[in-house]
Structures are given as structure tokens and as C-alpha cells.
Amino acid sequence: MSYDVIFTDTALKNLSRYPSKDQQAILKNIKQLAENPVTKSNVKKLVDFDVSYRLRVGTLECCLIAKIV
């Protein structure tokens, strides 16, 4: 089962602040996560938020708020 990820405007703005190479790596990992969420062990639920997760990509820590449907 795969999921659709819909980015908020804020998430896209935050993503645009990363260098292009890092943006591509982040989006690649998000796509893989949407296709098979069980295999990603580098995703952690953020404690202070209901539906927010942190995705670690290499040395980057990316926190984007996105709706998963």
C-alpha cells in the first residue's frame, strides 16, 4: 500500500531553503517512504505535535509538515 504526500506551503518554503542536491535527496526519501513506510527506520514521531514526523536523510534532519493521505 502506498500513500500520497501533500506538502503544505510552509513545507515547500522550508524545502526550498536547502541546496538543490539536498532537496533531491529529501524528496527521494519521502517518495520511498510514501511507497513503503514500514522500511524507513529513520523516521521519528515528534513528541510535541500530533501528526509531525522527523525524517533523517544522511546528515540532514528534515522536519516538514505534510499531509499523508
N, C-alpha and C. Protein backbone atom coordinates (compact mmCIF):
# COMPACT_ATOMS: atom_id res chain seq x y z
N MET A 1 0.84 -1.17 0.00
CA MET A 1 0.00 0.00 0.00
C MET A 1 0.89 1.24 0.00
N SER A 2 0.60 2.18 -0.88
CA SER A 2 1.37 3.42 -0.89
C SER A 2 0.47 4.59 -0.49
N TYR A 3 1.11 5.68 -0.13
CA TYR A 3 0.40 6.86 0.34
C TYR A 3 0.74 8.05 -0.54
N ASP A 4 -0.14 9.04 -0.58
CA ASP A 4 0.15 10.31 -1.24
C ASP A 4 0.58 11.30 -0.16
N VAL A 5 1.62 12.04 -0.45
CA VAL A 5 2.10 13.06 0.48
C VAL A 5 1.79 14.41 -0.14
N ILE A 6 1.07 15.24 0.61
CA ILE A 6 0.71 16.58 0.15
C ILE A 6 1.44 17.57 1.04
N PHE A 7 2.29 18.39 0.44
CA PHE A 7 3.09 19.35 1.20
C PHE A 7 2.32 20.63 1.45
N THR A 8 2.46 21.16 2.64
CA THR A 8 1.90 22.47 2.95
C THR A 8 2.78 23.54 2.28
N ASP A 9 2.26 24.74 2.16
CA ASP A 9 3.05 25.84 1.60
C ASP A 9 4.30 26.09 2.43
N THR A 10 4.16 26.00 3.73
CA THR A 10 5.29 26.19 4.63
C THR A 10 6.35 25.12 4.40
N ALA A 11 5.92 23.89 4.21
CA ALA A 11 6.87 22.80 3.97
C ALA A 11 7.65 23.04 2.68
N LEU A 12 6.96 23.48 1.64
CA LEU A 12 7.65 23.75 0.37
C LEU A 12 8.62 24.92 0.51
N LYS A 13 8.24 25.92 1.28
CA LYS A 13 9.13 27.06 1.51
C LYS A 13 10.37 26.60 2.27
N ASN A 14 10.17 25.78 3.29
CA ASN A 14 11.32 25.27 4.06
C ASN A 14 12.21 24.39 3.19
N LEU A 15 11.61 23.58 2.35
CA LEU A 15 12.39 22.71 1.46
C LEU A 15 13.23 23.53 0.49
N SER A 16 12.68 24.64 0.03
CA SER A 16 13.41 25.47 -0.94
C SER A 16 14.65 26.12 -0.34
N ARG A 17 14.78 26.13 0.97
CA ARG A 17 15.94 26.71 1.63
C ARG A 17 17.16 25.79 1.60
N TYR A 18 16.94 24.53 1.30
CA TYR A 18 18.04 23.57 1.20
C TYR A 18 18.69 23.68 -0.18
N PRO A 19 19.96 23.35 -0.29
CA PRO A 19 20.60 23.30 -1.62
C PRO A 19 19.89 22.25 -2.50
N SER A 20 19.96 22.45 -3.79
CA SER A 20 19.26 21.59 -4.75
C SER A 20 19.58 20.11 -4.55
N LYS A 21 20.84 19.79 -4.33
CA LYS A 21 21.24 18.39 -4.14
C LYS A 21 20.54 17.79 -2.92
N ASP A 22 20.47 18.56 -1.83
CA ASP A 22 19.81 18.09 -0.62
C ASP A 22 18.30 17.96 -0.82
N GLN A 23 17.72 18.91 -1.56
CA GLN A 23 16.28 18.83 -1.87
C GLN A 23 15.96 17.52 -2.58
N GLN A 24 16.79 17.17 -3.56
CA GLN A 24 16.56 15.94 -4.31
C GLN A 24 16.65 14.72 -3.41
N ALA A 25 17.61 14.70 -2.50
CA ALA A 25 17.77 13.57 -1.58
C ALA A 25 16.58 13.47 -0.64
N ILE A 26 16.12 14.61 -0.14
CA ILE A 26 14.96 14.62 0.76
C ILE A 26 13.72 14.12 0.04
N LEU A 27 13.47 14.64 -1.16
CA LEU A 27 12.28 14.22 -1.92
C LEU A 27 12.34 12.75 -2.30
N LYS A 28 13.53 12.26 -2.62
CA LYS A 28 13.70 10.84 -2.94
C LYS A 28 13.32 9.98 -1.74
N ASN A 29 13.77 10.37 -0.57
CA ASN A 29 13.46 9.61 0.64
C ASN A 29 11.98 9.70 1.01
N ILE A 30 11.38 10.85 0.81
CA ILE A 30 9.95 11.00 1.08
C ILE A 30 9.15 10.12 0.12
N LYS A 31 9.56 10.07 -1.13
CA LYS A 31 8.88 9.22 -2.12
C LYS A 31 8.98 7.74 -1.71
N GLN A 32 10.17 7.32 -1.29
CA GLN A 32 10.36 5.94 -0.85
C GLN A 32 9.52 5.65 0.39
N LEU A 33 9.45 6.62 1.28
CA LEU A 33 8.65 6.47 2.49
C LEU A 33 7.17 6.32 2.15
N ALA A 34 6.69 7.10 1.19
CA ALA A 34 5.29 7.02 0.78
C ALA A 34 4.97 5.67 0.14
N GLU A 35 5.93 5.12 -0.59
CA GLU A 35 5.72 3.85 -1.27
C GLU A 35 5.76 2.67 -0.30
N ASN A 36 6.60 2.75 0.72
CA ASN A 36 6.73 1.65 1.66
C ASN A 36 7.13 2.18 3.02
N PRO A 37 6.18 2.67 3.81
CA PRO A 37 6.50 3.32 5.08
C PRO A 37 7.09 2.40 6.15
N VAL A 38 6.93 1.12 6.01
CA VAL A 38 7.41 0.17 7.02
C VAL A 38 8.93 0.08 7.03
N THR A 39 9.58 0.30 5.89
CA THR A 39 11.02 0.08 5.79
C THR A 39 11.86 1.23 6.30
N LYS A 40 11.27 2.38 6.58
CA LYS A 40 12.05 3.54 6.98
C LYS A 40 12.18 3.61 8.50
N SER A 41 13.38 3.31 9.00
CA SER A 41 13.61 3.35 10.44
C SER A 41 14.14 4.71 10.89
N ASN A 42 14.44 5.61 9.94
CA ASN A 42 14.98 6.91 10.30
C ASN A 42 13.88 7.98 10.40
N VAL A 43 12.65 7.55 10.62
CA VAL A 43 11.52 8.45 10.83
C VAL A 43 11.09 8.34 12.29
N LYS A 44 11.02 9.48 12.93
CA LYS A 44 10.62 9.51 14.34
C LYS A 44 9.45 10.47 14.51
N LYS A 45 8.48 10.09 15.32
CA LYS A 45 7.35 10.96 15.62
C LYS A 45 7.83 12.04 16.58
N LEU A 46 7.45 13.29 16.29
CA LEU A 46 7.82 14.40 17.16
C LEU A 46 6.88 14.43 18.36
N VAL A 47 7.43 14.58 19.52
CA VAL A 47 6.68 14.45 20.77
C VAL A 47 5.63 15.56 20.95
N ASP A 48 5.98 16.78 20.62
CA ASP A 48 5.09 17.91 20.90
C ASP A 48 4.02 18.16 19.84
N PHE A 49 3.93 17.30 18.84
CA PHE A 49 2.99 17.51 17.74
C PHE A 49 2.17 16.24 17.52
N ASP A 50 0.92 16.42 17.07
CA ASP A 50 0.05 15.26 16.84
C ASP A 50 0.46 14.46 15.62
N VAL A 51 0.69 15.12 14.49
CA VAL A 51 0.94 14.40 13.25
C VAL A 51 2.22 14.87 12.56
N SER A 52 3.26 15.09 13.33
CA SER A 52 4.52 15.55 12.77
C SER A 52 5.61 14.50 12.99
N TYR A 53 6.40 14.33 11.94
CA TYR A 53 7.47 13.34 11.99
C TYR A 53 8.76 13.96 11.49
N ARG A 54 9.87 13.44 11.96
CA ARG A 54 11.19 13.88 11.52
C ARG A 54 11.77 12.79 10.63
N LEU A 55 12.29 13.18 9.48
CA LEU A 55 12.94 12.26 8.56
C LEU A 55 14.41 12.64 8.48
N ARG A 56 15.27 11.72 8.82
CA ARG A 56 16.71 11.97 8.73
C ARG A 56 17.20 11.43 7.39
N VAL A 57 17.87 12.31 6.63
CA VAL A 57 18.43 11.96 5.32
C VAL A 57 19.92 12.24 5.39
N GLY A 58 20.72 11.20 5.52
CA GLY A 58 22.16 11.39 5.67
C GLY A 58 22.43 12.18 6.93
N THR A 59 23.14 13.31 6.79
CA THR A 59 23.42 14.16 7.94
C THR A 59 22.36 15.24 8.11
N LEU A 60 21.38 15.28 7.22
CA LEU A 60 20.32 16.28 7.29
C LEU A 60 19.19 15.80 8.18
N GLU A 61 18.63 16.71 8.91
CA GLU A 61 17.42 16.42 9.67
C GLU A 61 16.34 17.33 9.10
N CYS A 62 15.35 16.73 8.51
CA CYS A 62 14.34 17.49 7.80
C CYS A 62 13.00 17.35 8.52
N CYS A 63 12.43 18.47 8.88
CA CYS A 63 11.13 18.44 9.53
C CYS A 63 10.18 19.26 8.68
N LEU A 64 9.40 18.58 7.86
CA LEU A 64 8.42 19.24 7.00
C LEU A 64 7.05 18.74 7.39
N ILE A 65 6.13 19.65 7.49
CA ILE A 65 4.74 19.25 7.82
C ILE A 65 4.05 18.93 6.49
N ALA A 66 3.61 17.72 6.37
CA ALA A 66 2.94 17.28 5.16
C ALA A 66 1.77 16.40 5.53
N LYS A 67 0.76 16.42 4.72
CA LYS A 67 -0.42 15.59 4.95
C LYS A 67 -0.23 14.28 4.18
N ILE A 68 -0.41 13.19 4.87
CA ILE A 68 -0.27 11.88 4.25
C ILE A 68 -1.66 11.31 4.07
N VAL A 69 -2.02 11.04 2.82
CA VAL A 69 -3.36 10.51 2.52
C VAL A 69 -3.26 9.21 1.77
